[in-house]
Amino acid sequence: MTDEIKNQLTEIAALLRSSSRKRKSDPIKQSLLNKGFDTTKEKRKQKRSGGSRYPTRLQQINDARAEAARQRRLSNSEVKAINDETIKVAEERVAQQRKEKFKRFELQKFRSRPMNSFSPFENNNPYSITETDHSIEVVPNTHRDPPVFKNKVEEAIYNLKNKK
């Protein structure tokens, strides 16, 4: 029984070794995977563009130099403070732009609403304030429709109550 387990373990070890050899066979691909690149997307892009399969050596050197320079900049405390302040200013600007956009939207919504006859922005408002003497003029509503009755009995009751 122990021999069977040893044989199974050796087979599993052999499979793991062969799969690790396959991964190690392409060091450029492995380095790209370690950096976070999705090599399948890169392959598709390069097939469409007709370029080489992986970045050229010069591209790799330039990428490494750019990454090293970025790390040096981020390690500098002055640059880090400037970056933090720049991010803070950018966030404030975005918040201000959102507020302005909201105000414009509210103004547009206000302007597009239908105006009724009692709007304080129109001159025909019966409850308007005159600017000369600062008094309020109240105009009674003279427009009254006669009530509509279902039958003559209701009409007679209404006329008796209102003495018409």
C-alpha atoms as a PDB file:
ATOM      1  CA  MET A   1       0.000   0.000   0.000  1.00  0.00           C
ATOM      2  CA  THR A   2       2.806   2.397   0.701  1.00  0.00           C
ATOM      3  CA  ASP A   3       4.354   1.560  -2.674  1.00  0.00           C
ATOM      4  CA  GLU A   4       1.087   2.592  -4.391  1.00  0.00           C
ATOM      5  CA  ILE A   5       1.077   5.917  -2.561  1.00  0.00           C
ATOM      6  CA  LYS A   6       4.741   6.501  -3.445  1.00  0.00           C
ATOM      7  CA  ASN A   7       3.996   5.790  -7.113  1.00  0.00           C
ATOM      8  CA  GLN A   8       1.043   8.180  -7.112  1.00  0.00           C
ATOM      9  CA  LEU A   9       3.100  10.891  -5.435  1.00  0.00           C
ATOM     10  CA  THR A  10       5.928  10.474  -7.946  1.00  0.00           C
ATOM     11  CA  GLU A  11       3.437  10.783 -10.820  1.00  0.00           C
ATOM     12  CA  ILE A  12       1.989  13.966  -9.282  1.00  0.00           C
ATOM     13  CA  ALA A  13       5.503  15.367  -8.776  1.00  0.00           C
ATOM     14  CA  ALA A  14       6.373  14.579 -12.401  1.00  0.00           C
ATOM     15  CA  LEU A  15       3.261  16.390 -13.616  1.00  0.00           C
ATOM     16  CA  LEU A  16       4.068  19.425 -11.476  1.00  0.00           C
ATOM     17  CA  ARG A  17       7.658  19.507 -12.756  1.00  0.00           C
ATOM     18  CA  SER A  18       6.545  19.305 -16.375  1.00  0.00           C
ATOM     19  CA  SER A  19       3.983  22.092 -15.906  1.00  0.00           C
ATOM     20  CA  SER A  20       6.563  24.299 -14.172  1.00  0.00           C
ATOM     21  CA  ARG A  21       9.000  23.618 -17.047  1.00  0.00           C
ATOM     22  CA  LYS A  22       6.357  24.778 -19.493  1.00  0.00           C
ATOM     23  CA  ARG A  23       5.957  28.012 -17.549  1.00  0.00           C
ATOM     24  CA  LYS A  24       9.695  28.521 -17.287  1.00  0.00           C
ATOM     25  CA  SER A  25      10.203  27.878 -20.996  1.00  0.00           C
ATOM     26  CA  ASP A  26       9.173  31.435 -21.845  1.00  0.00           C
ATOM     27  CA  PRO A  27      10.877  33.873 -19.435  1.00  0.00           C
ATOM     28  CA  ILE A  28       9.556  36.991 -21.197  1.00  0.00           C
ATOM     29  CA  LYS A  29       5.990  35.801 -20.874  1.00  0.00           C
ATOM     30  CA  GLN A  30       6.578  34.907 -17.219  1.00  0.00           C
ATOM     31  CA  SER A  31       8.066  38.346 -16.492  1.00  0.00           C
ATOM     32  CA  LEU A  32       5.079  40.004 -18.149  1.00  0.00           C
ATOM     33  CA  LEU A  33       2.706  37.887 -16.073  1.00  0.00           C
ATOM     34  CA  ASN A  34       4.624  38.830 -12.930  1.00  0.00           C
ATOM     35  CA  LYS A  35       4.258  42.535 -13.821  1.00  0.00           C
ATOM     36  CA  GLY A  36       0.517  42.125 -14.182  1.00  0.00           C
ATOM     37  CA  PHE A  37       0.168  42.081 -17.959  1.00  0.00           C
ATOM     38  CA  ASP A  38      -2.506  39.898 -19.470  1.00  0.00           C
ATOM     39  CA  THR A  39      -0.553  38.153 -22.209  1.00  0.00           C
ATOM     40  CA  THR A  40      -3.657  36.867 -23.973  1.00  0.00           C
ATOM     41  CA  LYS A  41      -4.800  40.450 -24.578  1.00  0.00           C
ATOM     42  CA  GLU A  42      -1.311  41.394 -25.735  1.00  0.00           C
ATOM     43  CA  LYS A  43      -1.292  38.468 -28.179  1.00  0.00           C
ATOM     44  CA  ARG A  44      -4.627  39.577 -29.647  1.00  0.00           C
ATOM     45  CA  LYS A  45      -3.415  43.159 -30.013  1.00  0.00           C
ATOM     46  CA  GLN A  46      -0.223  42.093 -31.710  1.00  0.00           C
ATOM     47  CA  LYS A  47      -2.057  39.757 -34.087  1.00  0.00           C
ATOM     48  CA  ARG A  48      -4.229  42.674 -35.167  1.00  0.00           C
ATOM     49  CA  SER A  49      -1.302  45.043 -35.486  1.00  0.00           C
ATOM     50  CA  GLY A  50       0.993  42.469 -37.072  1.00  0.00           C
ATOM     51  CA  GLY A  51       3.777  43.220 -34.573  1.00  0.00           C
ATOM     52  CA  SER A  52       6.033  40.913 -32.662  1.00  0.00           C
ATOM     53  CA  ARG A  53       4.690  38.668 -29.967  1.00  0.00           C
ATOM     54  CA  TYR A  54       6.315  40.416 -27.001  1.00  0.00           C
ATOM     55  CA  PRO A  55       7.746  43.887 -26.413  1.00  0.00           C
ATOM     56  CA  THR A  56      11.178  44.451 -27.872  1.00  0.00           C
ATOM     57  CA  ARG A  57      14.230  44.570 -25.656  1.00  0.00           C
ATOM     58  CA  LEU A  58      14.379  48.355 -26.021  1.00  0.00           C
ATOM     59  CA  GLN A  59      10.765  48.642 -24.866  1.00  0.00           C
ATOM     60  CA  GLN A  60      11.565  46.472 -21.861  1.00  0.00           C
ATOM     61  CA  ILE A  61      14.569  48.633 -20.973  1.00  0.00           C
ATOM     62  CA  ASN A  62      12.525  51.816 -21.302  1.00  0.00           C
ATOM     63  CA  ASP A  63       9.727  50.360 -19.171  1.00  0.00           C
ATOM     64  CA  ALA A  64      12.239  49.345 -16.496  1.00  0.00           C
ATOM     65  CA  ARG A  65      13.807  52.837 -16.526  1.00  0.00           C
ATOM     66  CA  ALA A  66      10.387  54.503 -16.271  1.00  0.00           C
ATOM     67  CA  GLU A  67       9.424  52.260 -13.365  1.00  0.00           C
ATOM     68  CA  ALA A  68      12.705  52.984 -11.555  1.00  0.00           C
ATOM     69  CA  ALA A  69      12.222  56.731 -12.050  1.00  0.00           C
ATOM     70  CA  ARG A  70       8.672  56.503 -10.757  1.00  0.00           C
ATOM     71  CA  GLN A  71       9.850  54.633  -7.671  1.00  0.00           C
ATOM     72  CA  ARG A  72      12.510  57.325  -7.033  1.00  0.00           C
ATOM     73  CA  ARG A  73       9.898  60.073  -7.363  1.00  0.00           C
ATOM     74  CA  LEU A  74       7.496  58.307  -5.005  1.00  0.00           C
ATOM     75  CA  SER A  75      10.234  57.759  -2.417  1.00  0.00           C
ATOM     76  CA  ASN A  76      10.966  61.520  -2.311  1.00  0.00           C
ATOM     77  CA  SER A  77       8.898  63.054   0.500  1.00  0.00           C
ATOM     78  CA  GLU A  78       8.624  66.473  -1.200  1.00  0.00           C
ATOM     79  CA  VAL A  79       7.254  64.988  -4.381  1.00  0.00           C
ATOM     80  CA  LYS A  80       4.873  62.830  -2.381  1.00  0.00           C
ATOM     81  CA  ALA A  81       3.570  65.922  -0.553  1.00  0.00           C
ATOM     82  CA  ILE A  82       3.118  67.722  -3.875  1.00  0.00           C
ATOM     83  CA  ASN A  83       1.233  64.724  -5.286  1.00  0.00           C
ATOM     84  CA  ASP A  84      -1.027  64.571  -2.239  1.00  0.00           C
ATOM     85  CA  GLU A  85      -1.764  68.304  -2.484  1.00  0.00           C
ATOM     86  CA  THR A  86      -2.438  68.010  -6.227  1.00  0.00           C
ATOM     87  CA  ILE A  87      -4.868  65.167  -5.619  1.00  0.00           C
ATOM     88  CA  LYS A  88      -6.644  67.202  -2.933  1.00  0.00           C
ATOM     89  CA  VAL A  89      -6.985  70.218  -5.266  1.00  0.00           C
ATOM     90  CA  ALA A  90      -8.259  67.988  -8.070  1.00  0.00           C
ATOM     91  CA  GLU A  91     -10.881  66.440  -5.784  1.00  0.00           C
ATOM     92  CA  GLU A  92     -12.047  69.915  -4.715  1.00  0.00           C
ATOM     93  CA  ARG A  93     -12.333  71.005  -8.346  1.00  0.00           C
ATOM     94  CA  VAL A  94     -14.353  67.919  -9.212  1.00  0.00           C
ATOM     95  CA  ALA A  95     -16.681  68.577  -6.273  1.00  0.00           C
ATOM     96  CA  GLN A  96     -17.092  72.210  -7.384  1.00  0.00           C
ATOM     97  CA  GLN A  97     -17.836  71.134 -10.955  1.00  0.00           C
ATOM     98  CA  ARG A  98     -20.463  68.687  -9.694  1.00  0.00           C
ATOM     99  CA  LYS A  99     -22.104  71.460  -7.668  1.00  0.00           C
ATOM    100  CA  GLU A 100     -22.134  73.786 -10.686  1.00  0.00           C
ATOM    101  CA  LYS A 101     -23.564  71.035 -12.883  1.00  0.00           C
ATOM    102  CA  PHE A 102     -26.289  70.365 -10.293  1.00  0.00           C
ATOM    103  CA  LYS A 103     -27.112  74.088 -10.095  1.00  0.00           C
ATOM    104  CA  ARG A 104     -27.354  74.318 -13.883  1.00  0.00           C
ATOM    105  CA  PHE A 105     -29.610  71.269 -13.935  1.00  0.00           C
ATOM    106  CA  GLU A 106     -31.877  72.731 -11.228  1.00  0.00           C
ATOM    107  CA  LEU A 107     -32.034  76.076 -13.050  1.00  0.00           C
ATOM    108  CA  GLN A 108     -32.896  74.339 -16.307  1.00  0.00           C
ATOM    109  CA  LYS A 109     -35.556  72.293 -14.546  1.00  0.00           C
ATOM    110  CA  PHE A 110     -36.964  75.467 -12.965  1.00  0.00           C
ATOM    111  CA  ARG A 111     -37.049  77.314 -16.298  1.00  0.00           C
ATOM    112  CA  SER A 112     -38.701  74.431 -18.122  1.00  0.00           C
ATOM    113  CA  ARG A 113     -41.584  74.089 -15.642  1.00  0.00           C
ATOM    114  CA  PRO A 114     -44.961  75.498 -16.701  1.00  0.00           C
ATOM    115  CA  MET A 115     -45.772  78.911 -15.271  1.00  0.00           C
ATOM    116  CA  ASN A 116     -49.128  79.301 -13.530  1.00  0.00           C
ATOM    117  CA  SER A 117     -51.098  82.515 -13.101  1.00  0.00           C
ATOM    118  CA  PHE A 118     -50.005  82.965  -9.472  1.00  0.00           C
ATOM    119  CA  SER A 119     -46.308  82.953 -10.170  1.00  0.00           C
ATOM    120  CA  PRO A 120     -44.465  85.781  -8.380  1.00  0.00           C
ATOM    121  CA  PHE A 121     -42.372  86.306 -11.499  1.00  0.00           C
ATOM    122  CA  GLU A 122     -45.250  87.420 -13.693  1.00  0.00           C
ATOM    123  CA  ASN A 123     -46.887  90.825 -13.738  1.00  0.00           C
ATOM    124  CA  ASN A 124     -50.459  89.520 -13.675  1.00  0.00           C
ATOM    125  CA  ASN A 125     -50.139  88.132 -10.152  1.00  0.00           C
ATOM    126  CA  PRO A 126     -53.205  89.226  -8.122  1.00  0.00           C
ATOM    127  CA  TYR A 127     -51.145  89.076  -4.917  1.00  0.00           C
ATOM    128  CA  SER A 128     -48.341  91.219  -6.201  1.00  0.00           C
ATOM    129  CA  ILE A 129     -46.254  93.616  -4.152  1.00  0.00           C
ATOM    130  CA  THR A 130     -46.050  97.073  -5.615  1.00  0.00           C
ATOM    131  CA  GLU A 131     -42.619  98.602  -5.307  1.00  0.00           C
ATOM    132  CA  THR A 132     -43.677 102.216  -4.925  1.00  0.00           C
ATOM    133  CA  ASP A 133     -45.507 102.069  -1.599  1.00  0.00           C
ATOM    134  CA  HIS A 134     -44.478  98.579  -0.419  1.00  0.00           C
ATOM    135  CA  SER A 135     -48.040  97.534   0.161  1.00  0.00           C
ATOM    136  CA  ILE A 136     -49.744  94.312  -0.845  1.00  0.00           C
ATOM    137  CA  GLU A 137     -52.710  94.526  -3.157  1.00  0.00           C
ATOM    138  CA  VAL A 138     -55.223  91.732  -2.833  1.00  0.00           C
ATOM    139  CA  VAL A 139     -57.520  91.281  -5.802  1.00  0.00           C
ATOM    140  CA  PRO A 140     -60.553  89.063  -5.138  1.00  0.00           C
ATOM    141  CA  ASN A 141     -61.217  86.294  -7.553  1.00  0.00           C
ATOM    142  CA  THR A 142     -64.166  87.461  -9.671  1.00  0.00           C
ATOM    143  CA  HIS A 143     -64.200  84.425 -11.877  1.00  0.00           C
ATOM    144  CA  ARG A 144     -66.797  82.047 -10.426  1.00  0.00           C
ATOM    145  CA  ASP A 145     -68.492  79.367 -12.390  1.00  0.00           C
ATOM    146  CA  PRO A 146     -72.101  78.730 -11.404  1.00  0.00           C
ATOM    147  CA  PRO A 147     -72.389  75.371  -9.686  1.00  0.00           C
ATOM    148  CA  VAL A 148     -73.720  72.462 -11.659  1.00  0.00           C
ATOM    149  CA  PHE A 149     -76.591  70.585  -9.998  1.00  0.00           C
ATOM    150  CA  LYS A 150     -77.756  67.040 -10.475  1.00  0.00           C
ATOM    151  CA  ASN A 151     -81.434  67.928 -10.222  1.00  0.00           C
ATOM    152  CA  LYS A 152     -83.862  70.800  -9.510  1.00  0.00           C
ATOM    153  CA  VAL A 153     -84.156  69.966  -5.797  1.00  0.00           C
ATOM    154  CA  GLU A 154     -80.455  70.559  -5.144  1.00  0.00           C
ATOM    155  CA  GLU A 155     -80.608  73.777  -7.129  1.00  0.00           C
ATOM    156  CA  ALA A 156     -83.554  75.037  -5.069  1.00  0.00           C
ATOM    157  CA  ILE A 157     -81.788  74.204  -1.792  1.00  0.00           C
ATOM    158  CA  TYR A 158     -78.659  76.048  -2.954  1.00  0.00           C
ATOM    159  CA  ASN A 159     -80.672  79.116  -4.011  1.00  0.00           C
ATOM    160  CA  LEU A 160     -82.528  79.211  -0.661  1.00  0.00           C
ATOM    161  CA  LYS A 161     -79.278  79.034   1.325  1.00  0.00           C
ATOM    162  CA  ASN A 162     -77.659  81.785  -0.715  1.00  0.00           C
ATOM    163  CA  LYS A 163     -80.947  83.755  -1.030  1.00  0.00           C
ATOM    164  CA  LYS A 164     -80.922  84.077  -4.755  1.00  0.00           C
END
